[in-house]
N, C-alpha and C. Protein backbone atom coordinates (compact mmCIF):
# COMPACT_ATOMS: atom_id res chain seq x y z
N MET A 1 26.11 112.82 -49.27
CA MET A 1 26.61 114.12 -49.66
C MET A 1 25.59 115.17 -49.24
N SER A 2 26.10 116.27 -48.74
CA SER A 2 25.21 117.35 -48.30
C SER A 2 24.85 118.26 -49.47
N GLU A 3 23.92 119.16 -49.23
CA GLU A 3 23.46 120.06 -50.30
C GLU A 3 24.56 120.98 -50.81
N ASP A 4 25.55 121.29 -49.96
CA ASP A 4 26.63 122.18 -50.40
C ASP A 4 27.72 121.44 -51.17
N GLY A 5 27.52 120.14 -51.40
CA GLY A 5 28.50 119.36 -52.17
C GLY A 5 29.60 118.75 -51.34
N THR A 6 29.48 118.81 -50.01
CA THR A 6 30.48 118.23 -49.12
C THR A 6 30.13 116.78 -48.83
N ALA A 7 31.14 115.92 -48.85
CA ALA A 7 30.96 114.52 -48.50
C ALA A 7 31.88 114.19 -47.33
N THR A 8 31.35 113.45 -46.36
CA THR A 8 32.11 113.07 -45.18
C THR A 8 31.84 111.61 -44.84
N GLY A 9 32.89 110.91 -44.44
CA GLY A 9 32.71 109.52 -44.02
C GLY A 9 33.96 109.00 -43.35
N ARG A 10 33.82 107.83 -42.74
CA ARG A 10 34.93 107.19 -42.03
C ARG A 10 35.61 106.17 -42.93
N PHE A 11 36.88 105.89 -42.59
CA PHE A 11 37.61 104.83 -43.27
C PHE A 11 37.19 103.49 -42.69
N LEU A 12 37.27 102.46 -43.50
CA LEU A 12 36.97 101.11 -43.05
C LEU A 12 38.18 100.53 -42.33
N PRO A 13 37.98 99.53 -41.48
CA PRO A 13 39.10 98.98 -40.71
C PRO A 13 39.94 97.98 -41.51
N ASP A 14 40.31 98.35 -42.71
CA ASP A 14 41.13 97.50 -43.58
C ASP A 14 42.46 98.19 -43.82
N THR A 15 43.39 97.48 -44.41
CA THR A 15 44.68 98.05 -44.74
C THR A 15 44.50 99.15 -45.80
N VAL A 16 45.11 100.30 -45.54
CA VAL A 16 45.04 101.42 -46.48
C VAL A 16 46.42 102.04 -46.61
N SER A 17 46.64 102.74 -47.71
CA SER A 17 47.89 103.49 -47.88
C SER A 17 47.68 104.52 -48.97
N PHE A 18 48.63 105.41 -49.07
CA PHE A 18 48.60 106.40 -50.13
C PHE A 18 49.38 105.88 -51.33
N MET A 19 48.96 106.27 -52.50
CA MET A 19 49.71 105.95 -53.71
C MET A 19 49.99 107.28 -54.40
N ARG A 20 51.20 107.44 -54.87
CA ARG A 20 51.54 108.68 -55.55
C ARG A 20 50.67 108.85 -56.78
N SER A 21 50.16 110.05 -56.96
CA SER A 21 49.33 110.32 -58.14
C SER A 21 50.22 110.54 -59.35
N ARG A 22 49.64 110.36 -60.51
CA ARG A 22 50.40 110.58 -61.75
C ARG A 22 50.90 112.01 -61.85
N THR A 23 50.08 112.95 -61.38
CA THR A 23 50.47 114.36 -61.47
C THR A 23 51.56 114.71 -60.47
N GLU A 24 51.70 113.90 -59.41
CA GLU A 24 52.72 114.18 -58.40
C GLU A 24 54.12 114.05 -58.99
N GLY A 25 54.30 113.08 -59.87
CA GLY A 25 55.59 112.92 -60.53
C GLY A 25 56.72 112.81 -59.53
N GLY A 26 57.79 113.50 -59.81
CA GLY A 26 58.92 113.51 -58.89
C GLY A 26 59.93 112.43 -59.21
N PRO A 27 61.00 112.41 -58.46
CA PRO A 27 62.07 111.45 -58.71
C PRO A 27 61.64 110.02 -58.41
N THR A 28 62.32 109.08 -59.04
CA THR A 28 62.06 107.67 -58.78
C THR A 28 62.77 107.24 -57.51
N VAL A 29 62.36 106.10 -56.97
CA VAL A 29 63.02 105.57 -55.77
C VAL A 29 64.51 105.37 -56.04
N GLY A 30 64.84 104.80 -57.20
CA GLY A 30 66.24 104.55 -57.53
C GLY A 30 67.08 105.81 -57.53
N SER A 31 66.55 106.89 -58.12
CA SER A 31 67.33 108.14 -58.18
C SER A 31 67.48 108.78 -56.80
N MET A 32 66.54 108.53 -55.90
CA MET A 32 66.68 109.05 -54.53
C MET A 32 67.56 108.13 -53.68
N MET A 33 67.51 106.84 -53.95
CA MET A 33 68.21 105.86 -53.12
C MET A 33 69.72 105.90 -53.32
N ARG A 34 70.16 106.05 -54.57
CA ARG A 34 71.60 105.98 -54.86
C ARG A 34 72.43 106.95 -54.02
N PRO A 35 72.14 108.26 -54.06
CA PRO A 35 72.99 109.18 -53.29
C PRO A 35 72.89 108.97 -51.77
N THR A 36 71.71 108.60 -51.28
CA THR A 36 71.57 108.39 -49.84
C THR A 36 72.32 107.15 -49.39
N TYR A 37 72.26 106.11 -50.20
CA TYR A 37 72.97 104.87 -49.88
C TYR A 37 74.48 105.13 -49.85
N GLU A 38 74.97 105.89 -50.82
CA GLU A 38 76.40 106.23 -50.86
C GLU A 38 76.79 107.09 -49.66
N ALA A 39 75.94 108.04 -49.28
CA ALA A 39 76.23 108.89 -48.12
C ALA A 39 76.32 108.06 -46.85
N LYS A 40 75.40 107.11 -46.69
CA LYS A 40 75.44 106.25 -45.50
C LYS A 40 76.69 105.40 -45.49
N LYS A 41 77.04 104.83 -46.64
CA LYS A 41 78.24 103.99 -46.72
C LYS A 41 79.51 104.80 -46.47
N ALA A 42 79.46 106.11 -46.71
CA ALA A 42 80.63 106.96 -46.50
C ALA A 42 80.89 107.23 -45.02
N GLY A 43 79.99 106.79 -44.15
CA GLY A 43 80.28 106.90 -42.72
C GLY A 43 79.48 107.94 -41.96
N VAL A 44 78.26 108.22 -42.37
CA VAL A 44 77.40 109.12 -41.60
C VAL A 44 77.22 108.51 -40.21
N PRO A 45 77.44 109.30 -39.15
CA PRO A 45 77.30 108.73 -37.81
C PRO A 45 75.85 108.36 -37.50
N GLY A 46 75.68 107.29 -36.73
CA GLY A 46 74.35 106.83 -36.35
C GLY A 46 74.08 107.11 -34.89
N ARG A 47 72.86 106.82 -34.49
CA ARG A 47 72.46 106.94 -33.09
C ARG A 47 71.46 105.83 -32.79
N ALA A 48 71.27 105.55 -31.53
CA ALA A 48 70.31 104.52 -31.12
C ALA A 48 68.88 105.03 -31.30
N SER A 49 67.97 104.10 -31.51
CA SER A 49 66.55 104.44 -31.60
C SER A 49 65.77 103.48 -30.72
N ALA A 50 64.81 104.03 -29.99
CA ALA A 50 63.95 103.19 -29.16
C ALA A 50 62.93 102.45 -30.02
N LEU A 51 62.69 102.94 -31.23
CA LEU A 51 61.72 102.31 -32.13
C LEU A 51 62.42 101.30 -33.01
N GLY A 52 61.84 100.13 -33.14
CA GLY A 52 62.37 99.13 -34.05
C GLY A 52 61.76 99.29 -35.43
N GLY A 53 62.36 98.67 -36.43
CA GLY A 53 61.88 98.77 -37.79
C GLY A 53 60.49 98.21 -37.98
N ASP A 54 60.08 97.30 -37.10
CA ASP A 54 58.76 96.71 -37.23
C ASP A 54 57.64 97.69 -36.91
N VAL A 55 57.96 98.83 -36.27
CA VAL A 55 56.93 99.80 -35.93
C VAL A 55 56.22 100.30 -37.20
N LEU A 56 56.95 100.43 -38.30
CA LEU A 56 56.33 100.89 -39.55
C LEU A 56 55.47 99.81 -40.19
N GLY A 57 55.54 98.59 -39.68
CA GLY A 57 54.69 97.52 -40.17
C GLY A 57 53.32 97.50 -39.52
N THR A 58 53.11 98.35 -38.53
CA THR A 58 51.80 98.49 -37.89
C THR A 58 50.95 99.39 -38.78
N ASP A 59 49.88 98.85 -39.34
CA ASP A 59 49.08 99.61 -40.31
C ASP A 59 48.65 100.97 -39.80
N SER A 60 48.14 101.04 -38.57
CA SER A 60 47.63 102.32 -38.10
C SER A 60 48.75 103.33 -37.88
N PHE A 61 49.94 102.86 -37.48
CA PHE A 61 51.06 103.79 -37.32
C PHE A 61 51.61 104.21 -38.68
N ALA A 62 51.75 103.28 -39.61
CA ALA A 62 52.22 103.62 -40.95
C ALA A 62 51.29 104.65 -41.59
N TRP A 63 50.00 104.52 -41.36
CA TRP A 63 49.01 105.48 -41.87
C TRP A 63 49.27 106.86 -41.27
N ALA A 64 49.51 106.93 -39.95
CA ALA A 64 49.79 108.21 -39.31
C ALA A 64 51.05 108.84 -39.88
N VAL A 65 52.08 108.04 -40.12
CA VAL A 65 53.32 108.56 -40.71
C VAL A 65 53.04 109.17 -42.07
N GLN A 66 52.23 108.51 -42.88
CA GLN A 66 51.91 109.05 -44.21
C GLN A 66 51.15 110.37 -44.11
N LEU A 67 50.29 110.50 -43.11
CA LEU A 67 49.55 111.75 -42.95
C LEU A 67 50.46 112.89 -42.52
N PHE A 68 51.33 112.63 -41.55
CA PHE A 68 52.22 113.67 -41.02
C PHE A 68 53.39 113.98 -41.96
N MET A 69 53.78 113.01 -42.78
CA MET A 69 54.99 113.16 -43.60
C MET A 69 54.69 112.86 -45.07
N PRO A 70 53.84 113.68 -45.70
CA PRO A 70 53.50 113.41 -47.10
C PRO A 70 54.73 113.48 -48.00
N GLY A 71 54.74 112.63 -49.00
CA GLY A 71 55.84 112.61 -49.95
C GLY A 71 57.01 111.73 -49.55
N VAL A 72 57.01 111.21 -48.32
CA VAL A 72 58.09 110.34 -47.86
C VAL A 72 57.81 108.92 -48.33
N LEU A 73 58.80 108.32 -48.95
CA LEU A 73 58.70 106.94 -49.42
C LEU A 73 59.43 106.01 -48.47
N GLN A 74 58.89 104.81 -48.28
CA GLN A 74 59.52 103.80 -47.43
C GLN A 74 60.05 102.69 -48.31
N VAL A 75 61.29 102.29 -48.04
CA VAL A 75 61.94 101.22 -48.80
C VAL A 75 62.63 100.29 -47.81
N GLY A 76 62.48 98.99 -47.99
CA GLY A 76 63.19 98.01 -47.18
C GLY A 76 64.36 97.44 -47.96
N LEU A 77 65.49 97.26 -47.31
CA LEU A 77 66.68 96.73 -47.96
C LEU A 77 67.44 95.87 -46.96
N THR A 78 67.73 94.63 -47.34
CA THR A 78 68.51 93.73 -46.50
C THR A 78 69.88 93.54 -47.12
N GLU A 79 70.92 93.72 -46.29
CA GLU A 79 72.29 93.58 -46.79
C GLU A 79 73.14 92.96 -45.69
N ASP A 80 73.84 91.91 -46.00
CA ASP A 80 74.73 91.24 -45.05
C ASP A 80 74.01 90.88 -43.74
N GLY A 81 72.76 90.46 -43.83
CA GLY A 81 72.00 90.07 -42.64
C GLY A 81 71.44 91.24 -41.86
N THR A 82 71.75 92.46 -42.27
CA THR A 82 71.24 93.65 -41.61
C THR A 82 70.02 94.14 -42.37
N ASN A 83 68.94 94.40 -41.63
CA ASN A 83 67.73 94.92 -42.26
C ASN A 83 67.72 96.43 -42.15
N GLY A 84 67.48 97.10 -43.26
CA GLY A 84 67.41 98.55 -43.27
C GLY A 84 66.03 99.01 -43.70
N ARG A 85 65.46 99.93 -42.94
CA ARG A 85 64.20 100.56 -43.31
C ARG A 85 64.54 101.99 -43.69
N TRP A 86 64.45 102.29 -44.98
CA TRP A 86 64.83 103.60 -45.50
C TRP A 86 63.60 104.46 -45.67
N LEU A 87 63.73 105.74 -45.33
CA LEU A 87 62.74 106.76 -45.62
C LEU A 87 63.41 107.77 -46.53
N LEU A 88 62.76 108.09 -47.64
CA LEU A 88 63.35 108.97 -48.65
C LEU A 88 62.37 110.09 -48.99
N HIS A 89 62.89 111.28 -49.21
CA HIS A 89 62.05 112.40 -49.64
C HIS A 89 62.72 113.07 -50.82
N PRO A 90 61.94 113.57 -51.78
CA PRO A 90 62.53 114.21 -52.96
C PRO A 90 63.42 115.41 -52.66
N ASP A 91 63.30 116.03 -51.47
CA ASP A 91 64.16 117.17 -51.15
C ASP A 91 65.58 116.75 -50.77
N GLY A 92 65.85 115.43 -50.80
CA GLY A 92 67.17 114.92 -50.44
C GLY A 92 67.29 114.42 -49.02
N SER A 93 66.22 114.57 -48.24
CA SER A 93 66.23 114.05 -46.87
C SER A 93 66.11 112.53 -46.90
N TRP A 94 66.79 111.89 -45.96
CA TRP A 94 66.72 110.43 -45.89
C TRP A 94 67.04 109.97 -44.48
N SER A 95 66.57 108.79 -44.16
CA SER A 95 66.99 108.12 -42.93
C SER A 95 67.01 106.63 -43.20
N CYS A 96 67.83 105.95 -42.44
CA CYS A 96 67.89 104.49 -42.50
C CYS A 96 67.93 103.97 -41.08
N LEU A 97 66.97 103.13 -40.73
CA LEU A 97 66.98 102.44 -39.45
C LEU A 97 67.49 101.03 -39.72
N GLU A 98 68.62 100.71 -39.12
CA GLU A 98 69.19 99.37 -39.28
C GLU A 98 68.87 98.53 -38.05
N THR A 99 68.41 97.32 -38.28
CA THR A 99 68.23 96.34 -37.21
C THR A 99 69.14 95.17 -37.50
N TYR A 100 69.63 94.55 -36.44
CA TYR A 100 70.68 93.55 -36.57
C TYR A 100 70.21 92.19 -36.05
N PRO A 101 70.59 91.12 -36.74
CA PRO A 101 70.16 89.78 -36.31
C PRO A 101 70.78 89.33 -34.99
N ASP A 102 71.88 89.96 -34.58
CA ASP A 102 72.53 89.55 -33.33
C ASP A 102 71.94 90.23 -32.09
N GLY A 103 70.88 91.02 -32.28
CA GLY A 103 70.19 91.62 -31.14
C GLY A 103 70.71 92.98 -30.71
N ARG A 104 71.71 93.53 -31.41
CA ARG A 104 72.17 94.88 -31.06
C ARG A 104 71.01 95.87 -31.20
N ASP A 105 71.10 96.98 -30.48
CA ASP A 105 70.07 98.00 -30.58
C ASP A 105 70.01 98.56 -32.00
N PRO A 106 68.81 98.88 -32.48
CA PRO A 106 68.69 99.50 -33.81
C PRO A 106 69.46 100.82 -33.85
N GLN A 107 70.02 101.12 -35.01
CA GLN A 107 70.76 102.37 -35.23
C GLN A 107 70.09 103.16 -36.35
N VAL A 108 70.04 104.47 -36.17
CA VAL A 108 69.47 105.38 -37.16
C VAL A 108 70.58 106.20 -37.78
N PHE A 109 70.54 106.30 -39.11
CA PHE A 109 71.45 107.14 -39.88
C PHE A 109 70.57 108.10 -40.67
N GLN A 110 70.96 109.40 -40.72
CA GLN A 110 70.11 110.39 -41.38
C GLN A 110 70.95 111.40 -42.14
N GLY A 111 70.35 112.00 -43.14
CA GLY A 111 71.01 113.05 -43.89
C GLY A 111 70.00 113.91 -44.63
N GLY A 112 70.48 114.98 -45.22
CA GLY A 112 69.60 115.89 -45.95
C GLY A 112 69.07 116.99 -45.05
N PRO A 113 68.20 117.84 -45.59
CA PRO A 113 67.72 118.99 -44.84
C PRO A 113 66.79 118.65 -43.66
N ARG A 114 66.11 117.52 -43.70
CA ARG A 114 65.22 117.10 -42.61
C ARG A 114 65.74 115.81 -41.98
N ARG A 115 65.48 115.64 -40.72
CA ARG A 115 65.82 114.40 -40.01
C ARG A 115 64.55 113.56 -39.95
N LEU A 116 64.37 112.70 -40.97
CA LEU A 116 63.11 111.99 -41.13
C LEU A 116 62.80 111.03 -39.98
N TRP A 117 63.81 110.34 -39.45
CA TRP A 117 63.51 109.42 -38.36
C TRP A 117 63.13 110.17 -37.09
N ASP A 118 63.71 111.35 -36.88
CA ASP A 118 63.29 112.19 -35.76
C ASP A 118 61.81 112.52 -35.90
N GLU A 119 61.37 112.81 -37.13
CA GLU A 119 59.96 113.08 -37.38
C GLU A 119 59.10 111.85 -37.10
N VAL A 120 59.59 110.67 -37.48
CA VAL A 120 58.86 109.43 -37.20
C VAL A 120 58.69 109.26 -35.69
N GLU A 121 59.73 109.55 -34.92
CA GLU A 121 59.64 109.44 -33.47
C GLU A 121 58.62 110.43 -32.90
N THR A 122 58.53 111.63 -33.48
CA THR A 122 57.53 112.61 -33.07
C THR A 122 56.13 112.11 -33.39
N VAL A 123 55.95 111.55 -34.59
CA VAL A 123 54.65 110.98 -34.97
C VAL A 123 54.29 109.85 -34.02
N HIS A 124 55.27 109.02 -33.66
CA HIS A 124 55.00 107.90 -32.75
C HIS A 124 54.53 108.41 -31.39
N ALA A 125 55.13 109.48 -30.89
CA ALA A 125 54.70 110.05 -29.61
C ALA A 125 53.25 110.53 -29.71
N TRP A 126 52.89 111.22 -30.82
CA TRP A 126 51.51 111.66 -31.03
C TRP A 126 50.57 110.46 -31.09
N TRP A 127 50.95 109.44 -31.86
CA TRP A 127 50.14 108.24 -32.06
C TRP A 127 49.88 107.54 -30.72
N ALA A 128 50.93 107.39 -29.90
CA ALA A 128 50.78 106.75 -28.59
C ALA A 128 49.89 107.59 -27.68
N LYS A 129 50.10 108.92 -27.68
CA LYS A 129 49.29 109.82 -26.85
C LYS A 129 47.83 109.80 -27.29
N SER A 130 47.58 109.54 -28.56
CA SER A 130 46.22 109.49 -29.10
C SER A 130 45.60 108.10 -28.98
N ASP A 131 46.18 107.25 -28.14
CA ASP A 131 45.69 105.88 -27.90
C ASP A 131 45.80 105.00 -29.13
N ARG A 132 46.88 105.16 -29.89
CA ARG A 132 47.17 104.31 -31.04
C ARG A 132 45.93 104.13 -31.93
N PRO A 133 45.46 105.22 -32.51
CA PRO A 133 44.18 105.16 -33.23
C PRO A 133 44.18 104.14 -34.37
N ALA A 134 43.16 103.30 -34.37
CA ALA A 134 42.96 102.36 -35.47
C ALA A 134 42.42 103.12 -36.68
N LEU A 135 42.50 102.50 -37.83
CA LEU A 135 42.12 103.17 -39.07
C LEU A 135 40.69 103.69 -39.06
N GLU A 136 39.77 102.96 -38.43
CA GLU A 136 38.37 103.37 -38.45
C GLU A 136 38.09 104.61 -37.60
N ARG A 137 39.06 105.09 -36.83
CA ARG A 137 38.89 106.36 -36.11
C ARG A 137 39.13 107.56 -37.02
N TYR A 138 39.69 107.33 -38.19
CA TYR A 138 39.94 108.41 -39.15
C TYR A 138 38.76 108.53 -40.11
N GLY A 139 38.58 109.73 -40.61
CA GLY A 139 37.56 109.96 -41.63
C GLY A 139 38.07 110.94 -42.66
N LEU A 140 37.25 111.17 -43.66
CA LEU A 140 37.62 112.05 -44.78
C LEU A 140 36.46 112.97 -45.08
N THR A 141 36.76 114.24 -45.25
CA THR A 141 35.79 115.22 -45.72
C THR A 141 36.29 115.78 -47.03
N VAL A 142 35.42 115.76 -48.04
CA VAL A 142 35.75 116.28 -49.36
C VAL A 142 34.84 117.46 -49.65
N THR A 143 35.44 118.60 -49.97
CA THR A 143 34.68 119.78 -50.39
C THR A 143 35.14 120.16 -51.79
N ARG A 144 34.56 121.22 -52.33
CA ARG A 144 34.99 121.67 -53.66
C ARG A 144 36.44 122.15 -53.66
N SER A 145 36.93 122.59 -52.50
CA SER A 145 38.27 123.18 -52.46
C SER A 145 39.34 122.29 -51.84
N GLU A 146 38.96 121.26 -51.08
CA GLU A 146 39.99 120.44 -50.45
C GLU A 146 39.46 119.06 -50.04
N GLN A 147 40.43 118.21 -49.72
CA GLN A 147 40.16 116.90 -49.12
C GLN A 147 40.93 116.87 -47.81
N ARG A 148 40.23 116.56 -46.72
CA ARG A 148 40.86 116.61 -45.40
C ARG A 148 40.57 115.32 -44.63
N VAL A 149 41.65 114.71 -44.12
CA VAL A 149 41.53 113.55 -43.24
C VAL A 149 41.50 114.06 -41.81
N TRP A 150 40.66 113.48 -40.98
CA TRP A 150 40.53 113.90 -39.59
C TRP A 150 40.51 112.68 -38.67
N LEU A 151 40.77 112.94 -37.40
CA LEU A 151 40.75 111.89 -36.38
C LEU A 151 39.54 112.12 -35.48
N ASP A 152 38.69 111.13 -35.38
CA ASP A 152 37.51 111.06 -34.51
C ASP A 152 36.31 111.87 -34.99
N THR A 153 36.46 113.16 -35.27
CA THR A 153 35.33 113.96 -35.76
C THR A 153 35.81 114.92 -36.84
N PRO A 154 34.90 115.29 -37.77
CA PRO A 154 35.31 116.19 -38.86
C PRO A 154 35.85 117.54 -38.40
N ASP A 155 35.42 118.02 -37.24
CA ASP A 155 35.89 119.32 -36.75
C ASP A 155 37.03 119.18 -35.74
N ALA A 156 37.66 118.01 -35.70
CA ALA A 156 38.74 117.74 -34.75
C ALA A 156 39.96 118.62 -35.02
N PRO A 157 40.72 118.95 -33.97
CA PRO A 157 41.95 119.70 -34.19
C PRO A 157 43.01 118.90 -34.94
N ASP A 158 42.94 117.57 -34.84
CA ASP A 158 43.89 116.72 -35.57
C ASP A 158 43.31 116.40 -36.94
N SER A 159 43.76 117.16 -37.94
CA SER A 159 43.32 116.91 -39.31
C SER A 159 44.45 117.27 -40.27
N TRP A 160 44.39 116.69 -41.46
CA TRP A 160 45.46 116.83 -42.43
C TRP A 160 44.87 117.06 -43.80
N ARG A 161 45.34 118.09 -44.47
CA ARG A 161 44.89 118.38 -45.83
C ARG A 161 45.65 117.48 -46.80
N LEU A 162 44.91 116.82 -47.67
CA LEU A 162 45.54 115.99 -48.69
C LEU A 162 45.83 116.86 -49.90
N HIS A 163 46.97 116.66 -50.50
CA HIS A 163 47.36 117.43 -51.68
C HIS A 163 47.20 116.56 -52.90
N ALA A 164 46.40 117.03 -53.84
CA ALA A 164 46.16 116.24 -55.06
C ALA A 164 47.27 116.45 -56.06
């Protein structure tokens, strides 16, 4: 820690994730899932996606998604042999990426004010352009007024303010 009370350090190369704080509160997964599931079942049109559902299983990419898309929850749901990767946000935005056991191309279904899977694809483009940064390339700076995650160096243009 420096004399001004600032602390800076890198993340370790282990699995990491965000956990909702008690003060964050907000709706439960169930209360967000019900209306989105019903909307999808009602026939929201889908589109193809170049990204498969396994992309969110890559720790370093899942970490980037959490940084770029705070407040978004990920839920997995399997139904009739179809795997669905749901993204939910308290503002009512949702997406579902369905993958099929018969090898058909993954399909994305979205609703609400934001197109969450479109955002995931944007994050993926950034992540790929940034050479798929591993967790240890990220660091954290804590000051009296904020907590900021950065990529490569504390003064990097790629940084994200964490909200307590």
